[in-house]
C-alpha atoms as a PDB file:
ATOM      1  CA  MET A   1      22.297  -9.782   2.830  1.00  0.00           C
ATOM      2  CA  ILE A   2      18.396  -9.130   2.667  1.00  0.00           C
ATOM      3  CA  ASP A   3      16.241 -11.762   3.522  1.00  0.00           C
ATOM      4  CA  VAL A   4      13.683 -11.694   0.758  1.00  0.00           C
ATOM      5  CA  GLY A   5      11.815 -14.618   1.532  1.00  0.00           C
ATOM      6  CA  LYS A   6      10.975 -12.658   4.751  1.00  0.00           C
ATOM      7  CA  TYR A   7      10.013  -9.531   2.870  1.00  0.00           C
ATOM      8  CA  ARG A   8       8.120 -11.486   0.280  1.00  0.00           C
ATOM      9  CA  SER A   9       6.043 -12.963   2.885  1.00  0.00           C
ATOM     10  CA  ILE A  10       5.427  -9.600   4.678  1.00  0.00           C
ATOM     11  CA  LEU A  11       4.390  -7.755   1.417  1.00  0.00           C
ATOM     12  CA  GLU A  12       2.317 -11.215   0.589  1.00  0.00           C
ATOM     13  CA  ALA A  13       0.274 -10.884   4.074  1.00  0.00           C
ATOM     14  CA  ARG A  14       0.051  -7.011   3.299  1.00  0.00           C
ATOM     15  CA  LEU A  15      -1.323  -7.323  -0.177  1.00  0.00           C
ATOM     16  CA  GLU A  16      -4.009  -9.945   1.573  1.00  0.00           C
ATOM     17  CA  GLU A  17      -5.169  -7.304   4.339  1.00  0.00           C
ATOM     18  CA  LEU A  18      -5.572  -4.508   1.726  1.00  0.00           C
ATOM     19  CA  LYS A  19      -7.791  -6.939  -0.674  1.00  0.00           C
ATOM     20  CA  ALA A  20      -9.731  -7.676   1.845  1.00  0.00           C
ATOM     21  CA  LEU A  21      -9.872  -4.137   2.900  1.00  0.00           C
ATOM     22  CA  LEU A  22     -10.901  -2.827  -0.353  1.00  0.00           C
ATOM     23  CA  GLN A  23     -13.633  -5.854  -0.652  1.00  0.00           C
ATOM     24  CA  GLU A  24     -15.106  -4.650   3.012  1.00  0.00           C
ATOM     25  CA  ILE A  25     -14.983  -0.574   1.196  1.00  0.00           C
ATOM     26  CA  ASP A  26     -16.744  -1.873  -1.785  1.00  0.00           C
ATOM     27  CA  LYS A  27     -19.597  -3.655   0.539  1.00  0.00           C
ATOM     28  CA  GLU A  28     -20.170  -0.706   2.672  1.00  0.00           C
ATOM     29  CA  LEU A  29     -20.457   1.513  -0.395  1.00  0.00           C
ATOM     30  CA  ASP A  30     -22.734  -0.787  -1.910  1.00  0.00           C
ATOM     31  CA  SER A  31     -25.042  -0.673   0.851  1.00  0.00           C
ATOM     32  CA  HIS A  32     -25.990   2.709   1.269  1.00  0.00           C
ATOM     33  CA  GLN A  33     -29.083   3.730   0.090  1.00  0.00           C
ATOM     34  CA  SER A  34     -31.145   5.734   2.495  1.00  0.00           C
ATOM     35  CA  LYS A  35     -33.935   7.791   1.258  1.00  0.00           C
ATOM     36  CA  ASP A  36     -33.846  10.358   4.187  1.00  0.00           C
ATOM     37  CA  TRP A  37     -31.807  13.585   3.218  1.00  0.00           C
ATOM     38  CA  GLU A  38     -29.927  13.918   6.339  1.00  0.00           C
ATOM     39  CA  GLU A  39     -29.127  10.095   6.618  1.00  0.00           C
ATOM     40  CA  LEU A  40     -27.853  10.328   2.939  1.00  0.00           C
ATOM     41  CA  ALA A  41     -25.722  13.672   3.482  1.00  0.00           C
ATOM     42  CA  VAL A  42     -23.979  11.509   6.618  1.00  0.00           C
ATOM     43  CA  GLU A  43     -23.339   8.288   4.637  1.00  0.00           C
ATOM     44  CA  ARG A  44     -21.729  10.394   1.890  1.00  0.00           C
ATOM     45  CA  GLU A  45     -19.662  11.895   4.158  1.00  0.00           C
ATOM     46  CA  GLY A  46     -18.489   8.567   5.451  1.00  0.00           C
ATOM     47  CA  ASP A  47     -18.401   7.387   1.905  1.00  0.00           C
ATOM     48  CA  GLU A  48     -16.046  10.160   1.094  1.00  0.00           C
ATOM     49  CA  VAL A  49     -13.481   8.779   4.026  1.00  0.00           C
ATOM     50  CA  LEU A  50     -14.071   5.219   2.612  1.00  0.00           C
ATOM     51  CA  GLU A  51     -13.357   6.361  -0.719  1.00  0.00           C
ATOM     52  CA  ARG A  52     -10.220   8.035   0.485  1.00  0.00           C
ATOM     53  CA  ARG A  53      -8.941   4.576   2.398  1.00  0.00           C
ATOM     54  CA  GLY A  54      -9.772   2.661  -0.902  1.00  0.00           C
ATOM     55  CA  THR A  55      -7.511   5.053  -2.741  1.00  0.00           C
ATOM     56  CA  ASP A  56      -4.965   4.845  -0.494  1.00  0.00           C
ATOM     57  CA  ALA A  57      -5.236   0.933  -0.057  1.00  0.00           C
ATOM     58  CA  GLN A  58      -4.929   0.808  -4.161  1.00  0.00           C
ATOM     59  CA  ALA A  59      -1.989   2.959  -4.116  1.00  0.00           C
ATOM     60  CA  GLU A  60      -0.136   1.029  -1.577  1.00  0.00           C
ATOM     61  CA  ILE A  61      -0.732  -2.513  -3.278  1.00  0.00           C
ATOM     62  CA  ALA A  62       0.537  -1.031  -6.535  1.00  0.00           C
ATOM     63  CA  LYS A  63       3.823  -0.242  -4.588  1.00  0.00           C
ATOM     64  CA  ILE A  64       3.476  -3.825  -3.286  1.00  0.00           C
ATOM     65  CA  ARG A  65       3.404  -5.157  -6.393  1.00  0.00           C
ATOM     66  CA  ALA A  66       6.062  -2.960  -8.019  1.00  0.00           C
ATOM     67  CA  ALA A  67       8.378  -4.317  -5.066  1.00  0.00           C
ATOM     68  CA  GLN A  68       7.255  -8.013  -5.923  1.00  0.00           C
ATOM     69  CA  ALA A  69       8.566  -7.243  -9.292  1.00  0.00           C
ATOM     70  CA  ARG A  70      11.887  -5.659  -8.033  1.00  0.00           C
ATOM     71  CA  MET A  71      11.927  -9.363  -6.296  1.00  0.00           C
ATOM     72  CA  GLU A  72      11.626 -11.284  -9.578  1.00  0.00           C
ATOM     73  CA  GLU A  73      14.580  -9.338 -11.155  1.00  0.00           C
ATOM     74  CA  ASP A  74      16.940  -9.772  -7.774  1.00  0.00           C
ATOM     75  CA  GLU A  75      16.546  -5.834  -7.664  1.00  0.00           C
ATOM     76  CA  PHE A  76      14.713  -5.804  -4.690  1.00  0.00           C
ATOM     77  CA  GLY A  77      16.845  -4.119  -1.333  1.00  0.00           C
ATOM     78  CA  TYR A  78      18.299  -1.851  -3.711  1.00  0.00           C
ATOM     79  CA  CYS A  79      17.561   1.674  -4.604  1.00  0.00           C
ATOM     80  CA  VAL A  80      15.808   2.044  -7.825  1.00  0.00           C
ATOM     81  CA  GLU A  81      17.517   5.788  -8.121  1.00  0.00           C
ATOM     82  CA  CYS A  82      21.061   5.154  -6.912  1.00  0.00           C
ATOM     83  CA  GLY A  83      21.671   1.995  -6.682  1.00  0.00           C
ATOM     84  CA  ASP A  84      22.854   1.768  -3.446  1.00  0.00           C
ATOM     85  CA  GLU A  85      21.441  -0.984  -0.905  1.00  0.00           C
ATOM     86  CA  ILE A  86      18.691   0.232   1.188  1.00  0.00           C
ATOM     87  CA  ALA A  87      19.133  -0.072   5.074  1.00  0.00           C
ATOM     88  CA  GLU A  88      17.293  -3.133   6.602  1.00  0.00           C
ATOM     89  CA  GLU A  89      16.175  -0.813   9.465  1.00  0.00           C
ATOM     90  CA  ARG A  90      14.425   0.904   6.438  1.00  0.00           C
ATOM     91  CA  LEU A  91      12.770  -1.767   4.627  1.00  0.00           C
ATOM     92  CA  GLU A  92      11.415  -3.178   8.154  1.00  0.00           C
ATOM     93  CA  VAL A  93       9.370  -0.045   8.509  1.00  0.00           C
ATOM     94  CA  VAL A  94       8.289   0.203   4.836  1.00  0.00           C
ATOM     95  CA  PRO A  95       9.494  -3.042   3.324  1.00  0.00           C
ATOM     96  CA  HIS A  96       8.165  -1.969  -0.478  1.00  0.00           C
ATOM     97  CA  THR A  97      10.037   1.199  -0.900  1.00  0.00           C
ATOM     98  CA  PRO A  98      12.154   1.542  -4.158  1.00  0.00           C
ATOM     99  CA  PHE A  99      14.460   4.392  -2.260  1.00  0.00           C
ATOM    100  CA  CYS A 100      17.339   4.186   0.417  1.00  0.00           C
ATOM    101  CA  ARG A 101      16.602   7.365   2.591  1.00  0.00           C
ATOM    102  CA  LYS A 102      19.092   9.435   1.209  1.00  0.00           C
ATOM    103  CA  CYS A 103      16.991   9.573  -2.017  1.00  0.00           C
ATOM    104  CA  ALA A 104      13.599   9.271  -0.300  1.00  0.00           C
ATOM    105  CA  ALA A 105      14.467  12.540   1.419  1.00  0.00           C
ATOM    106  CA  LYS A 106      14.706  13.921  -2.420  1.00  0.00           C
ATOM    107  CA  HIS A 107      11.089  12.409  -3.278  1.00  0.00           C
ATOM    108  CA  GLY A 108       9.680  14.360  -0.196  1.00  0.00           C
END
C-alpha cells in the first residue's frame, strides 16, 4: 500500500520550491533595464532561458496540483488510464506521475 502522506509531504515541499523559483525568476526579469544594446542583447538571451525555466516550473506545478487532487479523491498511486497501481519505484522518481510505467510509455 502506498504511503500517501509521504508523497503529500514530498509534493508540498517541491511545490514550495517551485513557487520560490518563480518569484526569483520574476525578480530577475524585472531587474533588467540596460540601456546599452549589447548588454540588452545578453540580458534578452538570459531572459529567454529564465522564461523557459518559468514555463517548466509552471507545468510541474500543474502536475503536482493534479496529483494533490488525486490524493483528495483517494485515487493517488493508481494510473489514470488503466487503473493499475503505480509502482512505488516510479513514484519515488516522479511522485506526481498520473501513469503507470506501461501507460507512460504510450504517452511518450
